[in-house]
Protein backbone atom coordinates (compact mmCIF):
# COMPACT_ATOMS: atom_id res chain seq x y z
CA UNK A 1 0.00 0.00 0.00
CA UNK A 2 2.82 2.40 0.87
CA UNK A 3 4.61 1.60 -2.39
CA UNK A 4 1.45 2.17 -4.42
CA UNK A 5 0.97 5.52 -2.69
CA UNK A 6 4.55 6.60 -3.43
CA UNK A 7 4.31 5.49 -7.06
CA UNK A 8 1.05 7.40 -7.48
CA UNK A 9 2.55 10.51 -5.85
CA UNK A 10 5.51 10.44 -8.25
CA UNK A 11 3.16 10.15 -11.22
CA UNK A 12 0.97 12.97 -9.94
CA UNK A 13 3.99 15.18 -9.25
CA UNK A 14 5.36 14.56 -12.74
CA UNK A 15 1.97 15.38 -14.30
CA UNK A 16 1.68 18.54 -12.20
CA UNK A 17 5.12 19.71 -13.32
CA UNK A 18 4.19 19.03 -16.96
CA UNK A 19 0.93 20.96 -16.56
CA UNK A 20 2.75 23.86 -14.95
CA UNK A 21 5.27 24.08 -17.77
CA UNK A 22 2.45 24.08 -20.34
CA UNK A 23 0.57 26.78 -18.46
CA UNK A 24 3.66 28.98 -18.18
CA UNK A 25 4.44 28.51 -21.87
CA UNK A 26 0.91 29.52 -22.92
CA UNK A 27 1.29 33.28 -22.86
CA UNK A 28 -1.41 34.22 -25.37
CA UNK A 29 -3.88 35.60 -22.85
CA UNK A 30 -1.14 37.37 -20.92
CA UNK A 31 0.22 38.97 -24.09
CA UNK A 32 -3.25 40.10 -25.13
CA UNK A 33 -3.82 41.67 -21.71
CA UNK A 34 -0.49 43.52 -21.89
CA UNK A 35 -1.45 44.84 -25.33
CA UNK A 36 -4.83 46.09 -24.05
CA UNK A 37 -3.16 47.83 -21.12
CA UNK A 38 -0.59 49.46 -23.41
CA UNK A 39 -3.31 50.71 -25.77
CA UNK A 40 -5.43 52.07 -22.94
CA UNK A 41 -2.46 53.76 -21.31
CA UNK A 42 -1.49 55.36 -24.60
CA UNK A 43 -5.04 56.61 -25.20
CA UNK A 44 -5.24 58.12 -21.72
CA UNK A 45 -1.85 59.81 -21.97
CA UNK A 46 -2.65 61.38 -25.34
CA UNK A 47 -6.25 62.43 -24.60
CA UNK A 48 -6.43 66.22 -24.36
CA UNK A 49 -9.81 65.98 -22.61
CA UNK A 50 -8.12 64.27 -19.69
CA UNK A 51 -5.62 67.11 -19.31
CA UNK A 52 -8.42 69.69 -19.53
CA UNK A 53 -10.49 67.82 -16.97
CA UNK A 54 -7.52 67.65 -14.60
CA UNK A 55 -6.99 71.42 -14.85
CA UNK A 56 -10.69 72.01 -14.16
CA UNK A 57 -10.62 69.60 -11.21
CA UNK A 58 -7.60 71.32 -9.69
CA UNK A 59 -9.28 74.71 -10.09
CA UNK A 60 -12.48 73.44 -8.46
CA UNK A 61 -10.52 71.95 -5.57
CA UNK A 62 -8.73 75.25 -5.00
CA UNK A 63 -12.07 77.13 -5.06
CA UNK A 64 -13.52 74.69 -2.52
CA UNK A 65 -10.49 75.08 -0.31
CA UNK A 66 -10.74 78.86 -0.42
CA UNK A 67 -14.43 78.67 0.55
CA UNK A 68 -14.28 75.94 3.20
CA UNK A 69 -10.67 75.91 4.29
CA UNK A 70 -10.57 72.17 3.61
CA UNK A 71 -8.92 70.33 0.75
CA UNK A 72 -10.36 66.99 -0.26
CA UNK A 73 -8.06 64.34 -1.70
């Protein structure tokens, strides 16, 4: 019984290592996700509306601080 258990454990460990190597080698989904993040980052960095909105937000925060004496994060 002990020998059967050990033999089965070795087989299971070998299969698990094989499965892990296959999973690590399959980078299609990871590469697609990196591409989506890169595209989104590029769009956000180059969007003039974002810069305008940030300027307006900063101005509104300063107005609020001058009126209330408090600055929200």
